[in-house]
Amino acid sequence: MQKQRRLFLRASLAAGTATIAVAAGLLTPQAVLGNWSKKAFENENLEATIKEITGLSGPEPSAEINVKTPVVAENGAVVSVTVEHNIPGAESLSILVPENTNKLAASYLLSGQVASFVNCRIKMRKTSDVIAVIKADGKLYSGKSRVKVTLGGCGG
């Protein structure tokens, strides 16, 4: 009983400290989440966005990338996307939607210790391809899947 009480008090103190730090502005999402390219997320050109996040351009289509999406998304505000790949040495994976105002939906840095898939939910403005771009060994590879959006998610 005494150990549970101490554990509860310790957890309460940690949660209270974190809450005070957030309220005081000492702990902000930018400080916690690290570096990210604001320009990449705000860019309205697909090729420029890819170049901004990878430093390279012109991804080549690859059969090693499988982008799984629903054929029809009833609500563009929540579209499930799973990207699986068999590309050795993958460094990063980015998910882009050409018909969105901001083309970049998500970007992940990968390491050799992680599984070769990413599952996320994105917003889609209207019917479009969902493109996955993987950077590996100084090259870009891409895969895509078409999603028909019946109810707009991003501004629609």
Protein backbone atom coordinates (compact mmCIF):
# COMPACT_ATOMS: atom_id res chain seq x y z
CA MET A 1 0.00 0.00 0.00
CA GLN A 2 2.81 2.38 0.91
CA LYS A 3 4.55 1.85 -2.49
CA GLN A 4 1.35 2.61 -4.41
CA ARG A 5 0.86 5.80 -2.43
CA ARG A 6 4.43 6.94 -3.17
CA LEU A 7 4.03 6.11 -6.86
CA PHE A 8 0.77 8.08 -6.98
CA LEU A 9 2.36 11.10 -5.26
CA ARG A 10 5.39 10.99 -7.56
CA ALA A 11 3.19 10.82 -10.68
CA SER A 12 0.97 13.64 -9.41
CA LEU A 13 4.01 15.84 -8.76
CA ALA A 14 5.39 15.16 -12.27
CA ALA A 15 2.04 15.91 -13.93
CA GLY A 16 1.63 19.09 -11.89
CA THR A 17 5.12 20.28 -12.78
CA ALA A 18 4.53 19.65 -16.50
CA THR A 19 1.20 21.51 -16.34
CA ILE A 20 2.82 24.53 -14.69
CA ALA A 21 5.64 24.53 -17.28
CA VAL A 22 3.14 24.48 -20.16
CA ALA A 23 1.01 27.21 -18.58
CA ALA A 24 4.09 29.39 -18.02
CA GLY A 25 5.18 28.95 -21.63
CA LEU A 26 8.38 27.15 -20.67
CA LEU A 27 7.38 23.96 -22.46
CA THR A 28 6.11 24.59 -25.98
CA PRO A 29 5.44 22.16 -28.84
CA GLN A 30 8.37 23.56 -30.86
CA ALA A 31 10.74 22.94 -27.95
CA VAL A 32 9.46 19.42 -27.42
CA LEU A 33 9.03 18.29 -31.02
CA GLY A 34 12.38 19.48 -32.37
CA ASN A 35 13.25 20.90 -35.79
CA TRP A 36 10.82 20.89 -38.66
CA SER A 37 10.73 22.81 -41.91
CA LYS A 38 7.98 25.40 -41.75
CA LYS A 39 8.71 26.29 -45.38
CA ALA A 40 8.08 22.67 -46.49
CA PHE A 41 4.66 22.57 -44.83
CA GLU A 42 3.65 25.97 -46.25
CA ASN A 43 4.94 25.43 -49.80
CA GLU A 44 2.22 25.25 -52.46
CA ASN A 45 4.36 23.60 -55.17
CA LEU A 46 4.79 19.80 -55.06
CA GLU A 47 8.31 19.62 -56.54
CA ALA A 48 9.54 22.52 -54.38
CA THR A 49 8.10 20.81 -51.29
CA ILE A 50 9.90 17.54 -52.10
CA LYS A 51 13.17 19.43 -52.66
CA GLU A 52 12.74 21.36 -49.40
CA ILE A 53 12.29 18.24 -47.25
CA THR A 54 14.75 15.90 -48.98
CA GLY A 55 17.27 18.15 -50.69
CA LEU A 56 16.63 16.16 -53.88
CA SER A 57 14.10 16.26 -56.69
CA GLY A 58 12.49 13.89 -59.17
CA PRO A 59 11.46 10.76 -57.28
CA GLU A 60 11.25 7.64 -59.40
CA PRO A 61 8.21 5.35 -59.08
CA SER A 62 8.95 2.16 -57.16
CA ALA A 63 7.05 -1.11 -56.85
CA GLU A 64 8.73 -1.51 -53.43
CA ILE A 65 6.40 1.14 -51.93
CA ASN A 66 2.82 0.19 -51.14
CA VAL A 67 0.49 3.06 -50.25
CA LYS A 68 -2.75 1.78 -48.71
CA THR A 69 -5.69 4.18 -48.58
CA PRO A 70 -9.44 3.84 -48.82
CA VAL A 71 -10.74 4.03 -52.40
CA VAL A 72 -13.46 6.42 -51.19
CA ALA A 73 -13.08 8.61 -48.11
CA GLU A 74 -16.46 9.70 -46.80
CA ASN A 75 -14.83 12.48 -44.80
CA GLY A 76 -11.67 14.20 -46.04
CA ALA A 77 -10.89 15.39 -42.51
CA VAL A 78 -9.79 11.87 -41.50
CA VAL A 79 -8.20 9.70 -44.19
CA SER A 80 -6.25 6.66 -43.03
CA VAL A 81 -2.94 6.09 -44.83
CA THR A 82 -0.53 3.18 -44.42
CA VAL A 83 2.79 3.13 -46.26
CA GLU A 84 4.80 -0.10 -46.38
CA HIS A 85 8.15 -0.38 -48.15
CA ASN A 86 11.04 -2.76 -48.80
CA ILE A 87 13.68 -0.15 -49.60
CA PRO A 88 16.95 -0.78 -47.76
CA GLY A 89 18.62 2.19 -46.12
CA ALA A 90 15.47 4.34 -46.01
CA GLU A 91 16.28 7.64 -44.29
CA SER A 92 12.97 9.48 -44.51
CA LEU A 93 9.37 9.02 -45.58
CA SER A 94 7.08 11.88 -46.55
CA ILE A 95 3.38 11.80 -47.40
CA LEU A 96 2.14 14.42 -49.86
CA VAL A 97 -1.27 15.33 -51.26
CA PRO A 98 -1.02 17.32 -54.53
CA GLU A 99 -4.58 18.74 -54.32
CA ASN A 100 -4.14 20.16 -50.80
CA THR A 101 -3.11 23.79 -50.44
CA ASN A 102 -0.18 22.64 -48.30
CA LYS A 103 1.17 19.63 -50.17
CA LEU A 104 3.08 18.05 -47.27
CA ALA A 105 0.79 16.05 -44.98
CA ALA A 106 3.44 14.26 -42.88
CA SER A 107 7.18 13.65 -42.80
CA TYR A 108 9.11 11.03 -40.82
CA LEU A 109 12.81 10.44 -40.21
CA LEU A 110 13.56 6.72 -40.24
CA SER A 111 16.32 4.55 -38.82
CA GLY A 112 17.32 0.95 -39.31
CA GLN A 113 15.71 -0.03 -36.01
CA VAL A 114 12.13 0.76 -37.03
CA ALA A 115 9.61 -1.31 -38.94
CA SER A 116 9.22 -0.63 -42.64
CA PHE A 117 5.76 0.92 -42.41
CA VAL A 118 4.01 4.08 -41.23
CA ASN A 119 0.32 4.38 -40.38
CA CYS A 120 -1.27 7.80 -39.95
CA ARG A 121 -4.36 9.87 -40.63
CA ILE A 122 -4.30 12.92 -42.84
CA LYS A 123 -6.66 15.63 -44.07
CA MET A 124 -7.55 15.86 -47.73
CA ARG A 125 -9.16 18.85 -49.37
CA LYS A 126 -10.60 16.95 -52.34
CA THR A 127 -10.09 13.89 -54.52
CA SER A 128 -6.37 13.38 -55.13
CA ASP A 129 -3.45 11.01 -55.18
CA VAL A 130 -1.67 10.35 -51.90
CA ILE A 131 2.05 10.17 -52.67
CA ALA A 132 4.68 8.59 -50.44
CA VAL A 133 8.27 9.69 -51.09
CA ILE A 134 11.15 7.75 -49.54
CA LYS A 135 14.73 9.00 -49.47
CA ALA A 136 17.36 6.23 -49.42
CA ASP A 137 21.05 6.29 -50.34
CA GLY A 138 20.84 9.68 -52.06
CA LYS A 139 17.85 8.77 -54.23
CA LEU A 140 14.12 9.36 -54.06
CA TYR A 141 11.48 6.69 -54.61
CA SER A 142 7.72 7.17 -54.72
CA GLY A 143 4.46 5.27 -54.59
CA LYS A 144 0.91 6.55 -54.75
CA SER A 145 -2.74 5.71 -54.26
CA ARG A 146 -5.85 7.57 -55.47
CA VAL A 147 -8.50 8.61 -52.92
CA LYS A 148 -11.93 9.94 -53.86
CA VAL A 149 -13.12 12.40 -51.19
CA THR A 150 -16.89 12.84 -50.91
CA LEU A 151 -16.94 15.36 -48.03
CA GLY A 152 -14.16 17.98 -47.85
CA GLY A 153 -11.72 18.01 -44.96
CA CYS A 154 -9.30 20.92 -45.55
CA GLY A 155 -11.37 24.00 -46.10
CA GLY A 156 -14.19 22.23 -47.86
